[in-house]
């Protein structure tokens, strides 16, 4: 089953644009597809573009964190991009653990962060 989430590559970075309502099955499919690509390619980072998401519940966010952790175990830096203020406020209100997450507001910043990390800067 193909993921409903598009994954593109830019040099050694995968960019996953999440523009669909997240469900458990969508996230499982995305996890498999993303981790397969991380394994098959030599990627330095993954940008998870969440700028199109108006809402994100605690369970789905926790599943995204598991995907981030899994990619990290495979040696790939994951960066959350474009979290909207309302989504951030809701996650904080729900008491979601966010420490250790890399976040930026734009894809350009995410690319820069991955490139700096790759160079050890």
Protein backbone atom coordinates (compact mmCIF):
# COMPACT_ATOMS: atom_id res chain seq x y z
CA UNK A 1 0.00 0.00 0.00
CA UNK A 2 1.44 3.40 -0.97
CA UNK A 3 1.56 6.13 1.61
CA UNK A 4 -0.78 9.09 1.19
CA UNK A 5 2.19 11.23 2.21
CA UNK A 6 4.53 12.37 -0.55
CA UNK A 7 8.26 11.83 -0.05
CA UNK A 8 10.66 13.68 -2.34
CA UNK A 9 14.43 13.87 -2.30
CA UNK A 10 16.74 16.85 -2.59
CA UNK A 11 20.37 15.78 -2.73
CA UNK A 12 20.87 13.76 0.47
CA UNK A 13 17.67 14.97 2.18
CA UNK A 14 14.21 13.41 2.10
CA UNK A 15 11.29 15.81 2.33
CA UNK A 16 7.97 14.37 3.45
CA UNK A 17 5.08 16.76 2.93
CA UNK A 18 2.21 15.78 5.20
CA UNK A 19 -0.93 17.33 3.72
CA UNK A 20 -3.49 14.68 4.63
CA UNK A 21 -5.49 13.84 7.72
CA UNK A 22 -3.41 11.43 9.73
CA UNK A 23 -4.85 8.08 10.68
CA UNK A 24 -3.17 5.07 12.22
CA UNK A 25 -3.06 3.27 8.85
CA UNK A 26 -1.69 6.33 7.01
CA UNK A 27 1.06 6.68 9.61
CA UNK A 28 1.97 2.98 9.47
CA UNK A 29 2.23 3.11 5.68
CA UNK A 30 4.27 6.32 5.86
CA UNK A 31 6.59 4.83 8.48
CA UNK A 32 7.33 1.81 6.31
CA UNK A 33 7.85 3.88 3.16
CA UNK A 34 10.06 6.47 4.87
CA UNK A 35 12.24 3.99 6.74
CA UNK A 36 12.65 1.91 3.57
CA UNK A 37 13.91 5.01 1.74
CA UNK A 38 16.22 5.96 4.62
CA UNK A 39 17.67 2.44 4.50
CA UNK A 40 18.00 2.25 0.70
CA UNK A 41 19.50 5.71 0.15
CA UNK A 42 22.39 7.50 1.73
CA UNK A 43 20.44 10.34 3.32
CA UNK A 44 21.69 12.84 5.85
CA UNK A 45 18.30 14.04 6.96
CA UNK A 46 14.53 13.91 6.74
CA UNK A 47 12.35 17.00 6.80
CA UNK A 48 8.78 16.37 7.94
CA UNK A 49 6.81 19.30 6.54
CA UNK A 50 3.77 19.80 8.76
CA UNK A 51 2.92 23.31 7.55
CA UNK A 52 -0.30 22.09 5.94
CA UNK A 53 -1.66 20.58 9.13
CA UNK A 54 -4.21 22.63 11.04
CA UNK A 55 -4.61 20.03 13.78
CA UNK A 56 -2.51 17.23 15.18
CA UNK A 57 -3.68 15.06 18.05
CA UNK A 58 -1.49 13.59 20.76
CA UNK A 59 -1.62 10.00 19.48
CA UNK A 60 -0.62 10.95 15.94
CA UNK A 61 2.15 13.20 17.24
CA UNK A 62 3.45 10.35 19.41
CA UNK A 63 3.48 8.08 16.34
CA UNK A 64 5.41 10.74 14.39
CA UNK A 65 7.93 10.84 17.24
CA UNK A 66 8.37 7.07 16.97
CA UNK A 67 9.07 7.45 13.26
CA UNK A 68 11.61 10.19 14.06
CA UNK A 69 13.24 7.98 16.70
CA UNK A 70 13.41 5.05 14.28
CA UNK A 71 15.09 7.15 11.59
CA UNK A 72 17.47 8.46 14.24
CA UNK A 73 18.49 4.93 15.18
CA UNK A 74 19.29 4.48 11.48
CA UNK A 75 21.62 7.50 11.69
CA UNK A 76 19.37 10.07 10.04
CA UNK A 77 18.52 13.48 11.48
CA UNK A 78 14.79 14.27 11.37
CA UNK A 79 13.49 17.82 11.53
CA UNK A 80 9.88 18.96 11.99
CA UNK A 81 9.12 21.87 9.70
CA UNK A 82 6.35 24.46 9.83
CA UNK A 83 4.39 23.56 12.95
CA UNK A 84 1.58 26.10 13.17
CA UNK A 85 1.13 28.12 16.39
CA UNK A 86 -2.27 26.55 17.12
CA UNK A 87 -0.87 23.04 16.76
CA UNK A 88 2.07 23.88 19.02
CA UNK A 89 -0.22 25.38 21.68
CA UNK A 90 -2.50 22.34 21.60
CA UNK A 91 0.41 19.91 21.94
CA UNK A 92 1.85 21.86 24.88
CA UNK A 93 -1.60 21.99 26.53
CA UNK A 94 -1.88 18.22 26.12
CA UNK A 95 1.47 17.79 27.87
CA UNK A 96 3.21 16.19 24.91
CA UNK A 97 6.94 15.65 25.44
CA UNK A 98 8.84 17.70 22.87
CA UNK A 99 12.37 17.79 24.25
CA UNK A 100 14.97 16.50 21.85
CA UNK A 101 12.93 17.33 18.75
CA UNK A 102 14.53 19.46 16.06
CA UNK A 103 12.07 22.05 14.73
CA UNK A 104 12.28 24.92 12.25
CA UNK A 105 9.75 27.17 10.58
CA UNK A 106 10.76 26.73 6.92
CA UNK A 107 12.14 24.12 4.55
CA UNK A 108 15.14 26.36 3.88
CA UNK A 109 15.99 26.38 7.60
CA UNK A 110 15.56 22.62 7.72
CA UNK A 111 17.92 22.07 4.80
CA UNK A 112 20.46 24.38 6.44
CA UNK A 113 20.16 22.50 9.75
CA UNK A 114 20.70 19.12 8.10
CA UNK A 115 23.67 20.43 6.11
CA UNK A 116 25.26 21.96 9.23
CA UNK A 117 24.73 18.71 11.11
CA UNK A 118 26.31 16.72 8.28
CA UNK A 119 29.35 19.00 8.37
CA UNK A 120 29.56 18.82 12.16
CA UNK A 121 28.93 22.55 12.57
